[in-house]
């Protein structure tokens, strides 16, 4: 039989297919085979829509009619970010604080930070290629207009009001994770910039940015800015005081060992701050505590299981000032073996590399030694013999390092069992990752703004972008998509799903690929495409 053309309706959209009919003697019915896709049904004609670029023409089968596509816009990736804005009520909060034009500009700038971070003078070009420009075609994202907007935000209480809304919306008991980072800048006009301890090792003045993350929601809910010379404990108490002013009273602050010092601990205890913190072993008394408690750490009475993995957990106490700090010593034999193997293997390789060096005339042995040994230089004794470097590994240095391997102590205030303590601390990795994202993917470091107000406004945009990206990450985690995609890879795949404008002014969505459909189905967002959101 001759091939025939048929229309199939799939999820409310009509598509043309070419099929060959044949008679099935078993069912005694006409069936079809060799189904061949022709295109989407447009005015009764099949039109191929996939990956349609700007000013491309699609030839319709049978007739020589031409459909001209005037413009093409990124739709799929923007669709998800708009959904997150609505889900978290960010658009509602912003509309309560700003006019429609300002909200559209802020939304575009925040989306750009997530999708394709650009210098502010290039954002307008990116914006015109997204579906956002169809929603708000009249807004201007010129460098001048953006600077004016950032200054307006930076001199207002808009960031504080938005954070208050976020915290008020989810006022139930939850765990908050706290961390701080340094952001450097070359600008000489930002008065908050001061020299201090730079966590990135940059010789630049900096500001300190503290970040509070809601563990249950998986998003940052508050940030604060401090001069670069202010110490961590001051930022902590200042941030938590502001947090209480928003009405949040029941929380845990989960902090890494960078906050661990006698002064910090005493101040947190004096202020009755509930915390979980990892200990460093720089304090002499703490080293003695570790030596004493690890003598019987492998006693089976301390054997526990955490996520199908065995480890030893021993309660410990540590007197500090007028307080007695409670904590748990954790010992993981498997982790100890892995860390020892990694260290000794690296030391062996360095020793071999040093032995193979033959110094050329004028070369300094010290420089070549530092090049090879790097951060592990303190594990070696070395000397120059003729044109060679003779190096030996220090046994005591290795013993001191390996003695700590597989072991760590978590101290806490409040009533926390060992499993809760460990679980919450492990989950603080989320905020470390978000800070790294802010400084790399969201293109923050170093700052290139020119005043306190524009810097503050820019950090507000970054904060919004970070909220959206964090929520997207949690959605992908819950949907199991992280096994197949990184965030950038998934957004790039969805970017191929586009909206196009035809010569007659009609706007339509390009054909959805199988990958795009599976992503949207996993995220339970297929309904958005049918609604034209």
Protein backbone atom coordinates (compact mmCIF):
# COMPACT_ATOMS: atom_id res chain seq x y z
CA UNK A 1 0.00 0.00 0.00
CA UNK A 2 1.01 3.61 -0.57
CA UNK A 3 2.26 5.62 2.44
CA UNK A 4 -0.29 7.92 4.01
CA UNK A 5 0.05 11.03 6.21
CA UNK A 6 -1.75 11.05 9.57
CA UNK A 7 -2.06 13.48 12.49
CA UNK A 8 -1.42 12.15 16.01
CA UNK A 9 -2.36 14.16 19.10
CA UNK A 10 0.22 13.81 21.90
CA UNK A 11 -0.38 15.64 25.18
CA UNK A 12 -2.64 18.13 23.46
CA UNK A 13 -0.25 18.89 20.57
CA UNK A 14 -0.83 17.65 17.03
CA UNK A 15 1.99 16.06 14.99
CA UNK A 16 2.18 14.76 11.38
CA UNK A 17 3.51 11.24 10.68
CA UNK A 18 4.00 9.25 7.45
CA UNK A 19 3.01 5.59 7.82
CA UNK A 20 2.48 2.54 5.59
CA UNK A 21 -0.88 0.78 6.14
CA UNK A 22 -1.16 -3.02 5.93
CA UNK A 23 -3.84 -5.61 6.60
CA UNK A 24 -3.35 -7.76 9.72
CA UNK A 25 -4.99 -11.18 9.08
CA UNK A 26 -4.96 -12.04 12.79
CA UNK A 27 -6.89 -9.03 14.03
CA UNK A 28 -8.54 -8.56 10.64
CA UNK A 29 -7.81 -4.85 10.90
CA UNK A 30 -5.72 -2.30 9.07
CA UNK A 31 -2.52 -1.50 10.95
CA UNK A 32 0.41 0.84 10.25
CA UNK A 33 4.19 0.41 10.15
CA UNK A 34 7.38 2.38 9.43
CA UNK A 35 6.11 5.48 11.24
CA UNK A 36 8.12 8.54 10.13
CA UNK A 37 7.88 11.89 11.91
CA UNK A 38 7.17 14.83 9.58
CA UNK A 39 6.64 17.77 11.92
CA UNK A 40 4.20 19.68 14.08
CA UNK A 41 0.76 20.53 12.67
CA UNK A 42 0.75 24.21 11.71
CA UNK A 43 -2.31 25.35 9.73
CA UNK A 44 -2.81 21.79 8.50
CA UNK A 45 0.80 21.46 7.35
CA UNK A 46 3.75 19.59 8.95
CA UNK A 47 6.47 21.99 10.17
CA UNK A 48 9.70 20.83 11.78
CA UNK A 49 10.28 23.02 14.84
CA UNK A 50 13.26 21.49 16.59
CA UNK A 51 16.22 23.79 17.32
CA UNK A 52 14.86 26.49 15.03
CA UNK A 53 17.37 29.39 14.83
CA UNK A 54 16.61 33.05 14.20
CA UNK A 55 15.52 33.93 10.63
CA UNK A 56 15.37 30.27 9.57
CA UNK A 57 12.70 29.03 7.15
CA UNK A 58 10.96 25.66 7.42
CA UNK A 59 9.72 24.03 4.22
CA UNK A 60 6.30 22.44 4.55
CA UNK A 61 5.87 19.09 2.82
CA UNK A 62 3.51 18.63 -0.12
CA UNK A 63 3.19 22.38 -0.77
CA UNK A 64 6.05 24.81 -1.25
CA UNK A 65 4.66 27.13 1.40
CA UNK A 66 7.35 28.76 3.59
CA UNK A 67 6.93 29.53 7.29
CA UNK A 68 9.38 32.27 8.41
CA UNK A 69 10.57 32.26 12.00
CA UNK A 70 11.48 35.82 12.93
CA UNK A 71 12.99 35.32 16.39
CA UNK A 72 13.96 32.54 18.79
CA UNK A 73 14.12 32.82 22.59
CA UNK A 74 15.52 30.71 25.43
CA UNK A 75 12.42 29.32 27.15
CA UNK A 76 13.11 25.99 28.88
CA UNK A 77 15.75 27.09 31.39
CA UNK A 78 13.91 30.34 32.18
CA UNK A 79 10.71 28.35 32.72
CA UNK A 80 12.20 26.48 35.70
CA UNK A 81 13.65 29.59 37.33
CA UNK A 82 10.31 31.41 37.02
CA UNK A 83 8.61 28.44 38.69
CA UNK A 84 11.07 28.59 41.60
CA UNK A 85 10.48 32.32 42.00
CA UNK A 86 6.73 31.66 42.29
CA UNK A 87 7.09 28.60 44.51
CA UNK A 88 9.23 30.50 47.05
CA UNK A 89 7.01 33.60 46.66
CA UNK A 90 10.06 35.67 45.75
CA UNK A 91 8.15 37.41 42.96
CA UNK A 92 5.35 38.22 45.42
CA UNK A 93 7.77 39.64 47.99
CA UNK A 94 9.58 41.74 45.38
CA UNK A 95 6.33 43.17 44.00
CA UNK A 96 5.50 44.26 47.53
CA UNK A 97 8.76 46.20 47.72
CA UNK A 98 9.38 47.53 44.19
CA UNK A 99 7.52 48.62 41.08
CA UNK A 100 6.94 46.27 38.13
CA UNK A 101 9.85 47.56 36.06
CA UNK A 102 12.31 47.20 38.94
CA UNK A 103 11.07 43.67 39.68
CA UNK A 104 11.53 42.70 36.02
CA UNK A 105 15.08 44.08 36.06
CA UNK A 106 16.00 42.35 39.31
CA UNK A 107 14.54 39.06 38.06
CA UNK A 108 16.54 39.29 34.84
CA UNK A 109 19.78 40.08 36.70
CA UNK A 110 19.26 37.22 39.19
CA UNK A 111 18.44 34.75 36.39
CA UNK A 112 21.55 35.84 34.52
CA UNK A 113 23.68 35.08 37.59
CA UNK A 114 22.33 31.50 37.51
CA UNK A 115 22.15 30.83 33.78
CA UNK A 116 25.05 32.74 32.23
CA UNK A 117 26.89 35.20 34.50
CA UNK A 118 28.02 38.20 32.47
CA UNK A 119 29.49 41.61 33.07
CA UNK A 120 26.66 44.06 33.60
CA UNK A 121 27.22 45.83 30.27
CA UNK A 122 26.48 42.56 28.42
CA UNK A 123 23.34 41.50 30.30
CA UNK A 124 21.00 43.38 27.96
CA UNK A 125 22.20 41.36 24.95
CA UNK A 126 21.58 38.12 26.82
CA UNK A 127 18.17 39.35 27.99
CA UNK A 128 16.89 39.99 24.45
CA UNK A 129 17.57 36.35 23.60
CA UNK A 130 15.37 35.01 26.41
CA UNK A 131 11.63 34.70 26.80
CA UNK A 132 11.87 37.33 29.56
CA UNK A 133 12.09 39.99 26.86
CA UNK A 134 8.70 38.85 25.53
CA UNK A 135 7.16 39.36 28.96
CA UNK A 136 8.78 42.75 29.56
CA UNK A 137 10.06 44.13 26.23
CA UNK A 138 10.23 47.76 27.35
CA UNK A 139 12.69 47.50 30.26
CA UNK A 140 16.24 48.75 29.77
CA UNK A 141 19.21 46.83 31.12
CA UNK A 142 21.85 49.31 30.05
CA UNK A 143 24.86 49.71 32.33
CA UNK A 144 23.56 53.08 33.51
CA UNK A 145 20.10 51.76 34.41
CA UNK A 146 21.57 48.75 36.21
CA UNK A 147 23.91 50.97 38.23
CA UNK A 148 20.99 53.19 39.23
CA UNK A 149 18.98 50.14 40.31
CA UNK A 150 21.83 48.65 42.33
CA UNK A 151 22.42 51.96 44.08
CA UNK A 152 18.72 52.26 44.91
CA UNK A 153 18.67 48.77 46.42
CA UNK A 154 21.96 49.31 48.24
CA UNK A 155 20.74 52.48 49.96
CA UNK A 156 17.37 50.98 50.94
CA UNK A 157 16.09 48.39 53.41
CA UNK A 158 14.80 46.17 50.58
CA UNK A 159 17.30 43.32 51.25
CA UNK A 160 16.43 43.28 54.95
CA UNK A 161 12.69 43.34 54.23
CA UNK A 162 12.98 40.43 51.79
CA UNK A 163 15.01 38.37 54.27
CA UNK A 164 12.41 39.11 56.93
CA UNK A 165 9.69 37.78 54.59
CA UNK A 166 11.68 34.61 53.92
CA UNK A 167 12.19 33.94 57.62
CA UNK A 168 8.62 34.85 58.54
CA UNK A 169 7.16 32.53 55.90
CA UNK A 170 8.90 29.50 57.49
CA UNK A 171 8.90 30.39 61.13
CA UNK A 172 8.73 26.83 62.44
CA UNK A 173 11.62 25.15 64.27
CA UNK A 174 14.53 24.40 61.99
CA UNK A 175 18.30 24.14 61.78
CA UNK A 176 20.27 27.06 60.40
CA UNK A 177 23.80 26.64 59.07
CA UNK A 178 26.24 29.51 59.39
CA UNK A 179 29.42 30.29 57.50
CA UNK A 180 31.48 33.30 56.53
CA UNK A 181 33.68 34.15 53.58
CA UNK A 182 35.89 36.96 52.33
CA UNK A 183 35.17 38.80 49.07
CA UNK A 184 38.02 40.86 47.69
CA UNK A 185 37.98 43.94 45.48
CA UNK A 186 40.30 46.30 43.64
CA UNK A 187 37.95 49.25 44.17
CA UNK A 188 39.25 52.20 46.17
CA UNK A 189 35.75 53.65 46.65
CA UNK A 190 34.18 50.94 48.84
CA UNK A 191 34.64 52.00 52.45
CA UNK A 192 33.83 48.55 53.87
CA UNK A 193 36.94 47.14 52.22
CA UNK A 194 39.65 46.51 54.80
CA UNK A 195 42.64 44.22 55.07
CA UNK A 196 42.09 41.20 57.27
CA UNK A 197 42.39 37.42 57.28
CA UNK A 198 41.70 36.52 53.63
CA UNK A 199 40.35 32.98 53.27
CA UNK A 200 41.37 32.86 49.61
CA UNK A 201 44.94 33.95 50.18
CA UNK A 202 44.58 37.12 48.11
CA UNK A 203 46.58 40.25 48.96
CA UNK A 204 43.59 42.55 48.50
CA UNK A 205 41.31 44.46 50.85
CA UNK A 206 38.07 42.62 51.47
CA UNK A 207 34.62 42.57 52.94
CA UNK A 208 33.32 39.73 55.09
CA UNK A 209 30.05 38.13 54.05
CA UNK A 210 28.15 35.88 56.45
CA UNK A 211 25.51 33.51 55.11
CA UNK A 212 22.69 31.71 56.91
CA UNK A 213 21.19 28.65 55.24
CA UNK A 214 17.95 26.91 56.16
CA UNK A 215 18.80 23.20 56.18
CA UNK A 216 15.23 21.99 55.73
CA UNK A 217 14.41 24.34 52.85
CA UNK A 218 17.85 23.94 51.32
CA UNK A 219 18.18 27.66 50.56
CA UNK A 220 20.05 30.64 52.01
CA UNK A 221 17.65 32.86 53.95
CA UNK A 222 19.90 35.63 55.20
CA UNK A 223 23.23 37.31 54.56
CA UNK A 224 25.13 40.11 56.23
CA UNK A 225 28.07 42.31 55.26
CA UNK A 226 30.90 43.39 57.57
CA UNK A 227 34.17 45.31 57.14
CA UNK A 228 37.04 43.04 56.20
CA UNK A 229 38.94 43.43 59.47
CA UNK A 230 36.10 42.32 61.77
CA UNK A 231 36.70 38.91 63.34
CA UNK A 232 34.51 35.87 62.81
CA UNK A 233 33.05 35.80 66.31
CA UNK A 234 31.89 39.40 65.97
CA UNK A 235 30.13 38.64 62.71
CA UNK A 236 28.55 35.56 64.25
CA UNK A 237 27.05 37.31 67.25
CA UNK A 238 26.00 40.28 65.12
CA UNK A 239 24.28 38.08 62.55
CA UNK A 240 22.51 35.97 65.16
CA UNK A 241 21.31 39.10 66.96
CA UNK A 242 19.74 40.27 63.70
CA UNK A 243 18.30 36.79 63.19
CA UNK A 244 16.55 36.99 66.56
CA UNK A 245 15.22 40.43 65.62
CA UNK A 246 13.41 38.72 62.73
CA UNK A 247 11.66 36.49 65.26
CA UNK A 248 13.78 33.35 64.84
CA UNK A 249 14.49 31.94 68.30
CA UNK A 250 14.93 28.18 67.95
CA UNK A 251 17.96 27.31 65.84
CA UNK A 252 21.34 25.59 65.74
CA UNK A 253 24.41 27.29 64.31
CA UNK A 254 26.59 24.66 62.64
CA UNK A 255 30.16 25.86 62.10
CA UNK A 256 33.44 24.43 60.86
CA UNK A 257 36.75 24.36 62.71
CA UNK A 258 37.67 27.80 61.38
CA UNK A 259 35.48 29.24 64.17
CA UNK A 260 37.03 27.06 66.88
CA UNK A 261 38.90 29.16 69.41
CA UNK A 262 38.63 29.67 73.16
CA UNK A 263 37.29 33.23 72.76
CA UNK A 264 34.68 32.21 70.21
CA UNK A 265 33.48 29.31 72.32
CA UNK A 266 33.21 31.40 75.48
CA UNK A 267 31.29 34.15 73.70
CA UNK A 268 28.83 31.65 72.20
CA UNK A 269 28.34 29.99 75.57
CA UNK A 270 27.90 33.36 77.30
CA UNK A 271 25.25 34.30 74.72
CA UNK A 272 23.57 30.88 75.01
CA UNK A 273 23.95 30.21 71.30
CA UNK A 274 23.06 26.64 70.35
CA UNK A 275 25.88 25.33 68.17
CA UNK A 276 27.71 22.34 66.76
CA UNK A 277 31.37 22.97 65.94
CA UNK A 278 34.34 20.89 64.83
CA UNK A 279 37.42 21.12 67.04
CA UNK A 280 40.95 21.91 65.98
CA UNK A 281 43.82 20.37 67.93
CA UNK A 282 45.90 23.52 68.30
CA UNK A 283 45.02 23.95 71.98
CA UNK A 284 47.44 22.02 74.19
CA UNK A 285 44.69 20.81 76.54
CA UNK A 286 42.70 19.53 73.59
CA UNK A 287 45.67 17.53 72.30
CA UNK A 288 45.95 15.94 75.75
CA UNK A 289 42.22 15.15 75.68
CA UNK A 290 42.61 13.38 72.34
CA UNK A 291 45.60 11.38 73.59
CA UNK A 292 43.67 10.24 76.67
CA UNK A 293 40.37 9.41 75.00
CA UNK A 294 41.76 7.52 72.01
CA UNK A 295 43.48 4.93 74.21
CA UNK A 296 40.30 2.87 74.46
CA UNK A 297 38.40 4.31 71.50
CA UNK A 298 38.22 0.87 69.83
CA UNK A 299 36.33 -0.57 72.78
CA UNK A 300 33.26 -2.32 71.36
CA UNK A 301 31.10 -0.31 73.78
CA UNK A 302 31.71 2.69 71.51
CA UNK A 303 30.96 0.86 68.25
CA UNK A 304 28.15 2.46 66.23
CA UNK A 305 26.81 2.41 62.69
CA UNK A 306 26.16 5.52 60.62
CA UNK A 307 24.53 5.10 57.19
CA UNK A 308 25.59 1.44 56.98
CA UNK A 309 29.16 2.33 57.91
CA UNK A 310 30.72 1.34 61.27
CA UNK A 311 32.67 3.79 63.40
CA UNK A 312 33.49 4.40 67.07
CA UNK A 313 31.86 7.22 69.04
CA UNK A 314 32.96 8.24 72.52
CA UNK A 315 31.41 11.08 74.59
CA UNK A 316 34.00 13.63 75.78
CA UNK A 317 34.02 16.76 77.94
CA UNK A 318 36.32 19.76 77.78
CA UNK A 319 36.49 22.39 80.53
CA UNK A 320 36.70 25.92 79.19
CA UNK A 321 36.41 28.95 81.48
CA UNK A 322 33.53 28.32 83.88
CA UNK A 323 31.86 25.92 81.43
CA UNK A 324 32.21 22.23 80.64
CA UNK A 325 31.84 21.68 76.91
CA UNK A 326 30.13 18.49 75.76
CA UNK A 327 31.20 16.64 72.64
CA UNK A 328 31.83 13.38 70.81
CA UNK A 329 35.08 11.86 69.57
CA UNK A 330 34.51 10.03 66.28
CA UNK A 331 36.96 7.44 65.00
CA UNK A 332 36.59 5.98 61.52
CA UNK A 333 39.17 3.18 60.88
CA UNK A 334 38.40 3.05 57.15
CA UNK A 335 38.94 6.77 56.77
CA UNK A 336 42.17 6.48 58.77
CA UNK A 337 43.52 3.81 56.40
CA UNK A 338 42.60 5.85 53.33
CA UNK A 339 44.19 9.04 54.71
CA UNK A 340 47.38 7.22 55.71
CA UNK A 341 47.69 5.61 52.31
CA UNK A 342 47.14 8.95 50.57
CA UNK A 343 49.78 10.71 52.71
CA UNK A 344 52.49 8.02 52.59
CA UNK A 345 52.01 7.49 48.86
CA UNK A 346 52.39 11.21 48.22
CA UNK A 347 55.48 11.45 50.46
CA UNK A 348 57.07 8.50 48.65
CA UNK A 349 56.46 10.10 45.24
CA UNK A 350 57.96 13.40 46.39
CA UNK A 351 61.05 11.66 47.76
CA UNK A 352 61.53 9.84 44.46
CA UNK A 353 61.05 13.03 42.44
CA UNK A 354 63.63 14.84 44.58
CA UNK A 355 66.11 11.98 44.15
CA UNK A 356 65.83 12.25 40.37
CA UNK A 357 66.57 15.98 40.26
CA UNK A 358 69.86 17.03 38.70
CA UNK A 359 70.51 20.68 39.35
CA UNK A 360 71.69 22.77 36.42
CA UNK A 361 74.25 25.47 36.79
CA UNK A 362 72.76 28.43 38.61
CA UNK A 363 69.70 26.54 39.87
CA UNK A 364 68.93 26.91 43.58
CA UNK A 365 68.30 23.65 45.40
CA UNK A 366 65.89 25.33 47.82
CA UNK A 367 63.60 26.51 45.03
CA UNK A 368 63.54 23.07 43.36
CA UNK A 369 62.81 21.46 46.74
CA UNK A 370 59.87 23.77 47.41
CA UNK A 371 58.55 23.19 43.89
CA UNK A 372 58.39 19.45 44.45
CA UNK A 373 57.47 19.25 48.15
CA UNK A 374 54.94 22.08 48.21
CA UNK A 375 52.69 22.03 51.27
CA UNK A 376 54.32 18.82 52.50
CA UNK A 377 57.79 20.39 52.82
CA UNK A 378 57.72 20.11 56.63
CA UNK A 379 57.68 16.32 56.36
CA UNK A 380 61.24 16.26 54.94
CA UNK A 381 64.83 16.81 55.99
CA UNK A 382 66.94 17.60 52.96
CA UNK A 383 70.35 18.76 51.83
CA UNK A 384 72.19 19.43 48.59
CA UNK A 385 74.95 17.00 47.62
CA UNK A 386 76.76 18.17 44.48
CA UNK A 387 74.01 18.58 41.88
CA UNK A 388 71.53 16.33 43.69
CA UNK A 389 69.00 16.75 46.50
CA UNK A 390 69.03 14.13 49.24
CA UNK A 391 65.75 14.06 51.18
CA UNK A 392 64.51 11.87 54.01
CA UNK A 393 61.01 11.67 55.44
CA UNK A 394 60.66 12.78 59.07
CA UNK A 395 59.24 9.90 61.07
CA UNK A 396 57.99 12.11 63.93
CA UNK A 397 56.18 14.46 61.57
CA UNK A 398 54.41 11.53 59.90
CA UNK A 399 53.53 10.00 63.27
CA UNK A 400 52.02 13.26 64.53
CA UNK A 401 49.91 13.65 61.39
CA UNK A 402 48.75 10.03 61.20
CA UNK A 403 47.88 10.05 64.91
CA UNK A 404 45.01 12.44 64.10
CA UNK A 405 43.80 10.62 61.01
CA UNK A 406 40.31 9.16 61.06
CA UNK A 407 39.53 11.05 64.26
CA UNK A 408 37.66 14.26 64.90
CA UNK A 409 35.72 15.86 67.74
CA UNK A 410 32.42 17.70 67.49
CA UNK A 411 31.46 19.91 70.43
CA UNK A 412 27.94 21.17 70.97
CA UNK A 413 25.71 23.16 73.26
CA UNK A 414 22.23 21.93 74.03
CA UNK A 415 20.89 18.38 74.02
CA UNK A 416 22.15 16.55 70.93
CA UNK A 417 22.87 12.84 70.47
CA UNK A 418 25.93 11.64 68.55
CA UNK A 419 24.03 10.75 65.37
CA UNK A 420 22.18 14.08 65.14
CA UNK A 421 25.43 15.91 65.83
CA UNK A 422 27.27 14.09 63.04
CA UNK A 423 24.38 14.28 60.57
CA UNK A 424 23.94 18.02 60.96
CA UNK A 425 27.64 18.71 60.69
CA UNK A 426 27.99 16.61 57.55
CA UNK A 427 25.12 18.55 55.99
CA UNK A 428 26.91 21.87 56.50
CA UNK A 429 28.86 20.95 53.37
CA UNK A 430 25.85 22.40 51.53
CA UNK A 431 26.64 25.94 52.59
CA UNK A 432 30.33 25.57 51.75
CA UNK A 433 29.34 24.48 48.25
CA UNK A 434 26.93 27.41 47.91
CA UNK A 435 29.63 29.89 48.93
CA UNK A 436 31.99 28.40 46.37
CA UNK A 437 29.24 28.69 43.77
CA UNK A 438 28.71 32.32 44.69
CA UNK A 439 32.40 33.06 44.22
CA UNK A 440 32.83 31.15 40.97
CA UNK A 441 29.70 30.22 39.02
CA UNK A 442 27.94 33.44 40.01
CA UNK A 443 31.03 35.47 39.15
CA UNK A 444 31.46 37.52 42.32
CA UNK A 445 35.18 37.40 43.11
CA UNK A 446 36.76 39.90 43.01
CA UNK A 447 34.09 42.59 43.14
CA UNK A 448 34.25 45.27 40.49
CA UNK A 449 31.71 47.77 41.78
CA UNK A 450 32.52 51.36 42.60
CA UNK A 451 30.74 52.27 45.84
CA UNK A 452 29.28 50.80 49.01
CA UNK A 453 25.74 51.18 47.69
CA UNK A 454 26.26 49.50 44.31
CA UNK A 455 28.24 46.71 46.00
CA UNK A 456 25.39 46.13 48.46
CA UNK A 457 22.87 46.14 45.62
CA UNK A 458 24.94 43.68 43.61
CA UNK A 459 25.27 41.27 46.55
CA UNK A 460 21.48 41.36 46.90
CA UNK A 461 21.19 40.21 43.26
CA UNK A 462 23.73 37.45 43.93
CA UNK A 463 21.80 36.41 47.04
CA UNK A 464 18.60 36.02 44.98
CA UNK A 465 20.49 34.03 42.37
CA UNK A 466 21.90 31.82 45.10
CA UNK A 467 18.43 31.16 46.54
CA UNK A 468 17.13 30.12 43.10
CA UNK A 469 20.14 27.94 42.32
CA UNK A 470 20.04 26.26 45.76
CA UNK A 471 16.36 25.44 45.34
CA UNK A 472 17.03 24.05 41.86
CA UNK A 473 19.78 21.84 43.28
CA UNK A 474 17.41 20.46 45.93
CA UNK A 475 14.74 19.80 43.28
CA UNK A 476 17.28 17.91 41.16
CA UNK A 477 18.46 15.94 44.19
CA UNK A 478 14.91 14.92 45.15
CA UNK A 479 14.15 13.97 41.53
CA UNK A 480 17.31 11.87 41.16
CA UNK A 481 18.56 14.02 38.26
CA UNK A 482 22.02 14.65 39.72
CA UNK A 483 22.99 11.13 38.67
CA UNK A 484 22.73 12.25 35.04
CA UNK A 485 23.20 16.00 35.03
CA UNK A 486 25.12 18.79 36.67
CA UNK A 487 23.06 21.98 37.07
CA UNK A 488 24.76 23.67 34.12
CA UNK A 489 24.35 20.64 31.89
CA UNK A 490 20.65 20.33 32.65
CA UNK A 491 20.03 24.03 32.04
CA UNK A 492 21.89 23.86 28.73
CA UNK A 493 19.67 20.96 27.65
CA UNK A 494 16.54 22.90 28.57
CA UNK A 495 17.86 26.01 26.83
CA UNK A 496 17.23 24.20 23.53
CA UNK A 497 13.50 24.31 24.30
CA UNK A 498 12.61 27.66 22.79
CA UNK A 499 9.76 29.98 21.98
CA UNK A 500 9.65 31.38 18.45
CA UNK A 501 7.81 34.23 16.80
CA UNK A 502 6.44 33.66 13.30
CA UNK A 503 6.13 36.24 10.52
CA UNK A 504 2.46 36.79 11.35
CA UNK A 505 3.28 37.58 15.00
CA UNK A 506 2.22 34.27 16.50
CA UNK A 507 4.36 32.87 19.33
CA UNK A 508 4.81 29.13 19.80
CA UNK A 509 7.06 26.63 21.54
CA UNK A 510 9.48 24.44 19.60
CA UNK A 511 9.10 20.69 19.70
CA UNK A 512 10.23 19.15 22.98
CA UNK A 513 13.01 16.56 22.84
CA UNK A 514 12.88 13.31 24.77
CA UNK A 515 15.62 14.50 27.17
CA UNK A 516 13.75 17.73 27.89
CA UNK A 517 10.51 15.88 28.50
CA UNK A 518 12.17 13.42 30.91
CA UNK A 519 13.75 16.30 32.86
CA UNK A 520 10.48 18.21 33.19
CA UNK A 521 8.58 15.05 34.11
CA UNK A 522 11.12 14.23 36.84
CA UNK A 523 10.70 17.76 38.22
CA UNK A 524 6.88 17.55 37.91
CA UNK A 525 6.89 20.63 35.68
CA UNK A 526 5.37 19.30 32.45
CA UNK A 527 2.14 21.14 33.25
CA UNK A 528 3.96 24.47 32.87
CA UNK A 529 4.67 23.89 29.17
CA UNK A 530 1.03 23.15 28.37
CA UNK A 531 -0.10 26.24 30.25
CA UNK A 532 2.31 28.45 28.31
CA UNK A 533 3.97 29.74 31.49
